[in-house]
Amino acid sequence: MSIVQRGDGKFQYSDGSHKWIAPDPDYDQEVWDEQVRQHKQCHLVNDQPKVRIQRLV
């Protein structure tokens, strides 16, 4: 499970899915898309593997 940090709420719904539509019609959608992309990238950096992979020799 990824780490949820303060301020993440503006990028996610209560079920954990991400908000891809800008919260305000006057907000630049391209800027919002980039902010969500960076937010998701932080999830990947902070995420721990869910499955332990063993290499067979």
PDB file of N, CA and C in Angstrom:
ATOM      1  N   MET A   1       0.842  -1.174   0.000  1.00  0.00           N
ATOM      2  CA  MET A   1       0.000   0.000   0.000  1.00  0.00           C
ATOM      3  C   MET A   1       0.885   1.232   0.000  1.00  0.00           C
ATOM      4  N   SER A   2       0.521   2.228  -0.788  1.00  0.00           N
ATOM      5  CA  SER A   2       1.330   3.434  -0.862  1.00  0.00           C
ATOM      6  C   SER A   2       1.056   4.349   0.321  1.00  0.00           C
ATOM      7  N   ILE A   3       1.956   5.265   0.521  1.00  0.00           N
ATOM      8  CA  ILE A   3       1.850   6.200   1.630  1.00  0.00           C
ATOM      9  C   ILE A   3       1.009   7.391   1.197  1.00  0.00           C
ATOM     10  N   VAL A   4      -0.016   7.719   1.975  1.00  0.00           N
ATOM     11  CA  VAL A   4      -0.840   8.884   1.705  1.00  0.00           C
ATOM     12  C   VAL A   4      -0.337   9.996   2.608  1.00  0.00           C
ATOM     13  N   GLN A   5      -0.005  11.114   2.001  1.00  0.00           N
ATOM     14  CA  GLN A   5       0.548  12.221   2.753  1.00  0.00           C
ATOM     15  C   GLN A   5      -0.434  13.379   2.797  1.00  0.00           C
ATOM     16  N   ARG A   6      -0.174  14.331   3.694  1.00  0.00           N
ATOM     17  CA  ARG A   6      -1.023  15.506   3.812  1.00  0.00           C
ATOM     18  C   ARG A   6      -1.103  16.212   2.457  1.00  0.00           C
ATOM     19  N   GLY A   7      -2.285  16.609   2.054  1.00  0.00           N
ATOM     20  CA  GLY A   7      -2.480  17.293   0.786  1.00  0.00           C
ATOM     21  C   GLY A   7      -2.854  16.370  -0.360  1.00  0.00           C
ATOM     22  N   ASP A   8      -2.761  15.051  -0.146  1.00  0.00           N
ATOM     23  CA  ASP A   8      -3.102  14.094  -1.203  1.00  0.00           C
ATOM     24  C   ASP A   8      -4.600  14.081  -1.506  1.00  0.00           C
ATOM     25  N   GLY A   9      -5.404  14.534  -0.574  1.00  0.00           N
ATOM     26  CA  GLY A   9      -6.846  14.475  -0.737  1.00  0.00           C
ATOM     27  C   GLY A   9      -7.360  15.204  -1.969  1.00  0.00           C
ATOM     28  N   LYS A  10      -6.670  16.228  -2.402  1.00  0.00           N
ATOM     29  CA  LYS A  10      -7.144  16.953  -3.578  1.00  0.00           C
ATOM     30  C   LYS A  10      -6.958  16.143  -4.861  1.00  0.00           C
ATOM     31  N   PHE A  11      -6.121  15.110  -4.809  1.00  0.00           N
ATOM     32  CA  PHE A  11      -5.868  14.290  -5.987  1.00  0.00           C
ATOM     33  C   PHE A  11      -6.635  12.969  -5.986  1.00  0.00           C
ATOM     34  N   GLN A  12      -7.268  12.624  -4.852  1.00  0.00           N
ATOM     35  CA  GLN A  12      -7.894  11.311  -4.746  1.00  0.00           C
ATOM     36  C   GLN A  12      -9.317  11.390  -4.202  1.00  0.00           C
ATOM     37  N   TYR A  13     -10.151  10.454  -4.678  1.00  0.00           N
ATOM     38  CA  TYR A  13     -11.489  10.274  -4.126  1.00  0.00           C
ATOM     39  C   TYR A  13     -11.375   9.419  -2.870  1.00  0.00           C
ATOM     40  N   SER A  14     -12.454   9.302  -2.128  1.00  0.00           N
ATOM     41  CA  SER A  14     -12.429   8.537  -0.875  1.00  0.00           C
ATOM     42  C   SER A  14     -12.112   7.057  -1.099  1.00  0.00           C
ATOM     43  N   ASP A  15     -12.370   6.537  -2.298  1.00  0.00           N
ATOM     44  CA  ASP A  15     -12.061   5.131  -2.572  1.00  0.00           C
ATOM     45  C   ASP A  15     -10.606   4.925  -3.012  1.00  0.00           C
ATOM     46  N   GLY A  16      -9.823   6.009  -3.065  1.00  0.00           N
ATOM     47  CA  GLY A  16      -8.413   5.909  -3.424  1.00  0.00           C
ATOM     48  C   GLY A  16      -8.123   6.132  -4.888  1.00  0.00           C
ATOM     49  N   SER A  17      -9.164   6.203  -5.723  1.00  0.00           N
ATOM     50  CA  SER A  17      -8.930   6.454  -7.143  1.00  0.00           C
ATOM     51  C   SER A  17      -8.530   7.917  -7.343  1.00  0.00           C
ATOM     52  N   HIS A  18      -7.901   8.194  -8.464  1.00  0.00           N
ATOM     53  CA  HIS A  18      -7.390   9.534  -8.715  1.00  0.00           C
ATOM     54  C   HIS A  18      -8.370  10.389  -9.505  1.00  0.00           C
ATOM     55  N   LYS A  19      -8.354  11.672  -9.190  1.00  0.00           N
ATOM     56  CA  LYS A  19      -9.223  12.657  -9.853  1.00  0.00           C
ATOM     57  C   LYS A  19      -8.502  13.162 -11.100  1.00  0.00           C
ATOM     58  N   TRP A  20      -8.989  12.769 -12.270  1.00  0.00           N
ATOM     59  CA  TRP A  20      -8.346  13.174 -13.517  1.00  0.00           C
ATOM     60  C   TRP A  20      -8.963  14.439 -14.094  1.00  0.00           C
ATOM     61  N   ILE A  21     -10.099  14.857 -13.581  1.00  0.00           N
ATOM     62  CA  ILE A  21     -10.732  16.094 -14.034  1.00  0.00           C
ATOM     63  C   ILE A  21     -10.379  17.187 -13.039  1.00  0.00           C
ATOM     64  N   ALA A  22      -9.935  18.331 -13.542  1.00  0.00           N
ATOM     65  CA  ALA A  22      -9.567  19.444 -12.665  1.00  0.00           C
ATOM     66  C   ALA A  22     -10.756  19.823 -11.782  1.00  0.00           C
ATOM     67  N   PRO A  23     -10.487  20.169 -10.517  1.00  0.00           N
ATOM     68  CA  PRO A  23     -11.557  20.441  -9.563  1.00  0.00           C
ATOM     69  C   PRO A  23     -12.363  21.707  -9.863  1.00  0.00           C
ATOM     70  N   ASP A  24     -11.815  22.597 -10.650  1.00  0.00           N
ATOM     71  CA  ASP A  24     -12.473  23.859 -10.963  1.00  0.00           C
ATOM     72  C   ASP A  24     -12.472  24.024 -12.486  1.00  0.00           C
ATOM     73  N   PRO A  25     -13.597  24.393 -13.078  1.00  0.00           N
ATOM     74  CA  PRO A  25     -13.640  24.548 -14.545  1.00  0.00           C
ATOM     75  C   PRO A  25     -12.641  25.581 -15.071  1.00  0.00           C
ATOM     76  N   ASP A  26     -12.241  26.525 -14.224  1.00  0.00           N
ATOM     77  CA  ASP A  26     -11.285  27.551 -14.651  1.00  0.00           C
ATOM     78  C   ASP A  26      -9.834  27.099 -14.503  1.00  0.00           C
ATOM     79  N   TYR A  27      -9.626  25.927 -13.885  1.00  0.00           N
ATOM     80  CA  TYR A  27      -8.275  25.402 -13.676  1.00  0.00           C
ATOM     81  C   TYR A  27      -7.774  24.808 -14.986  1.00  0.00           C
ATOM     82  N   ASP A  28      -6.549  25.066 -15.339  1.00  0.00           N
ATOM     83  CA  ASP A  28      -5.959  24.551 -16.578  1.00  0.00           C
ATOM     84  C   ASP A  28      -5.842  23.023 -16.491  1.00  0.00           C
ATOM     85  N   GLN A  29      -6.548  22.314 -17.369  1.00  0.00           N
ATOM     86  CA  GLN A  29      -6.573  20.852 -17.332  1.00  0.00           C
ATOM     87  C   GLN A  29      -5.194  20.249 -17.567  1.00  0.00           C
ATOM     88  N   GLU A  30      -4.392  20.856 -18.433  1.00  0.00           N
ATOM     89  CA  GLU A  30      -3.048  20.324 -18.693  1.00  0.00           C
ATOM     90  C   GLU A  30      -2.162  20.431 -17.445  1.00  0.00           C
ATOM     91  N   VAL A  31      -2.308  21.508 -16.699  1.00  0.00           N
ATOM     92  CA  VAL A  31      -1.557  21.667 -15.449  1.00  0.00           C
ATOM     93  C   VAL A  31      -2.016  20.618 -14.447  1.00  0.00           C
ATOM     94  N   TRP A  32      -3.338  20.418 -14.353  1.00  0.00           N
ATOM     95  CA  TRP A  32      -3.880  19.412 -13.438  1.00  0.00           C
ATOM     96  C   TRP A  32      -3.381  18.014 -13.799  1.00  0.00           C
ATOM     97  N   ASP A  33      -3.392  17.685 -15.091  1.00  0.00           N
ATOM     98  CA  ASP A  33      -2.905  16.378 -15.544  1.00  0.00           C
ATOM     99  C   ASP A  33      -1.465  16.143 -15.091  1.00  0.00           C
ATOM    100  N   GLU A  34      -0.625  17.162 -15.222  1.00  0.00           N
ATOM    101  CA  GLU A  34       0.774  17.032 -14.822  1.00  0.00           C
ATOM    102  C   GLU A  34       0.897  16.880 -13.310  1.00  0.00           C
ATOM    103  N   GLN A  35       0.089  17.604 -12.556  1.00  0.00           N
ATOM    104  CA  GLN A  35       0.128  17.481 -11.105  1.00  0.00           C
ATOM    105  C   GLN A  35      -0.290  16.077 -10.664  1.00  0.00           C
ATOM    106  N   VAL A  36      -1.324  15.531 -11.285  1.00  0.00           N
ATOM    107  CA  VAL A  36      -1.765  14.175 -10.947  1.00  0.00           C
ATOM    108  C   VAL A  36      -0.698  13.168 -11.351  1.00  0.00           C
ATOM    109  N   ARG A  37      -0.074  13.362 -12.507  1.00  0.00           N
ATOM    110  CA  ARG A  37       0.996  12.462 -12.948  1.00  0.00           C
ATOM    111  C   ARG A  37       2.135  12.455 -11.931  1.00  0.00           C
ATOM    112  N   GLN A  38       2.545  13.626 -11.462  1.00  0.00           N
ATOM    113  CA  GLN A  38       3.608  13.707 -10.472  1.00  0.00           C
ATOM    114  C   GLN A  38       3.174  13.084  -9.146  1.00  0.00           C
ATOM    115  N   HIS A  39       1.920  13.293  -8.775  1.00  0.00           N
ATOM    116  CA  HIS A  39       1.389  12.689  -7.558  1.00  0.00           C
ATOM    117  C   HIS A  39       1.444  11.164  -7.638  1.00  0.00           C
ATOM    118  N   LYS A  40       1.026  10.616  -8.780  1.00  0.00           N
ATOM    119  CA  LYS A  40       1.066   9.164  -8.968  1.00  0.00           C
ATOM    120  C   LYS A  40       2.507   8.650  -8.958  1.00  0.00           C
ATOM    121  N   GLN A  41       3.434   9.430  -9.498  1.00  0.00           N
ATOM    122  CA  GLN A  41       4.842   9.044  -9.494  1.00  0.00           C
ATOM    123  C   GLN A  41       5.350   8.931  -8.062  1.00  0.00           C
ATOM    124  N   CYS A  42       4.905   9.814  -7.183  1.00  0.00           N
ATOM    125  CA  CYS A  42       5.295   9.736  -5.764  1.00  0.00           C
ATOM    126  C   CYS A  42       4.795   8.435  -5.149  1.00  0.00           C
ATOM    127  N   HIS A  43       3.601   7.976  -5.548  1.00  0.00           N
ATOM    128  CA  HIS A  43       3.101   6.687  -5.064  1.00  0.00           C
ATOM    129  C   HIS A  43       4.067   5.573  -5.443  1.00  0.00           C
ATOM    130  N   LEU A  44       4.525   5.598  -6.686  1.00  0.00           N
ATOM    131  CA  LEU A  44       5.407   4.538  -7.173  1.00  0.00           C
ATOM    132  C   LEU A  44       6.748   4.556  -6.450  1.00  0.00           C
ATOM    133  N   VAL A  45       7.266   5.729  -6.164  1.00  0.00           N
ATOM    134  CA  VAL A  45       8.554   5.852  -5.478  1.00  0.00           C
ATOM    135  C   VAL A  45       8.427   5.348  -4.040  1.00  0.00           C
ATOM    136  N   ASN A  46       7.303   5.644  -3.389  1.00  0.00           N
ATOM    137  CA  ASN A  46       7.116   5.287  -1.981  1.00  0.00           C
ATOM    138  C   ASN A  46       6.492   3.914  -1.781  1.00  0.00           C
ATOM    139  N   ASP A  47       6.064   3.274  -2.850  1.00  0.00           N
ATOM    140  CA  ASP A  47       5.346   2.007  -2.754  1.00  0.00           C
ATOM    141  C   ASP A  47       6.306   0.844  -2.515  1.00  0.00           C
ATOM    142  N   GLN A  48       5.934  -0.041  -1.632  1.00  0.00           N
ATOM    143  CA  GLN A  48       6.705  -1.256  -1.374  1.00  0.00           C
ATOM    144  C   GLN A  48       6.142  -2.393  -2.226  1.00  0.00           C
ATOM    145  N   PRO A  49       6.971  -3.281  -2.707  1.00  0.00           N
ATOM    146  CA  PRO A  49       6.462  -4.409  -3.495  1.00  0.00           C
ATOM    147  C   PRO A  49       5.457  -5.225  -2.683  1.00  0.00           C
ATOM    148  N   LYS A  50       4.382  -5.642  -3.332  1.00  0.00           N
ATOM    149  CA  LYS A  50       3.334  -6.403  -2.666  1.00  0.00           C
ATOM    150  C   LYS A  50       3.621  -7.906  -2.691  1.00  0.00           C
ATOM    151  N   VAL A  51       4.503  -8.323  -3.591  1.00  0.00           N
ATOM    152  CA  VAL A  51       4.821  -9.733  -3.751  1.00  0.00           C
ATOM    153  C   VAL A  51       6.337  -9.892  -3.724  1.00  0.00           C
ATOM    154  N   ARG A  52       6.771 -10.882  -3.001  1.00  0.00           N
ATOM    155  CA  ARG A  52       8.199 -11.161  -2.971  1.00  0.00           C
ATOM    156  C   ARG A  52       8.538 -12.052  -4.152  1.00  0.00           C
ATOM    157  N   ILE A  53       9.461 -11.598  -4.970  1.00  0.00           N
ATOM    158  CA  ILE A  53       9.834 -12.343  -6.165  1.00  0.00           C
ATOM    159  C   ILE A  53      11.142 -13.082  -5.883  1.00  0.00           C
ATOM    160  N   GLN A  54      11.127 -14.376  -6.158  1.00  0.00           N
ATOM    161  CA  GLN A  54      12.340 -15.175  -6.000  1.00  0.00           C
ATOM    162  C   GLN A  54      12.824 -15.598  -7.375  1.00  0.00           C
ATOM    163  N   ARG A  55      14.090 -15.472  -7.557  1.00  0.00           N
ATOM    164  CA  ARG A  55      14.682 -15.863  -8.827  1.00  0.00           C
ATOM    165  C   ARG A  55      15.092 -17.338  -8.745  1.00  0.00           C
ATOM    166  N   LEU A  56      14.621 -18.099  -9.702  1.00  0.00           N
ATOM    167  CA  LEU A  56      14.998 -19.518  -9.763  1.00  0.00           C
ATOM    168  C   LEU A  56      16.285 -19.643 -10.567  1.00  0.00           C
ATOM    169  N   VAL A  57      17.199 -20.451 -10.048  1.00  0.00           N
ATOM    170  CA  VAL A  57      18.494 -20.603 -10.718  1.00  0.00           C
ATOM    171  C   VAL A  57      18.558 -21.928 -11.413  1.00  0.00           C
TER     172      VAL A  57
END
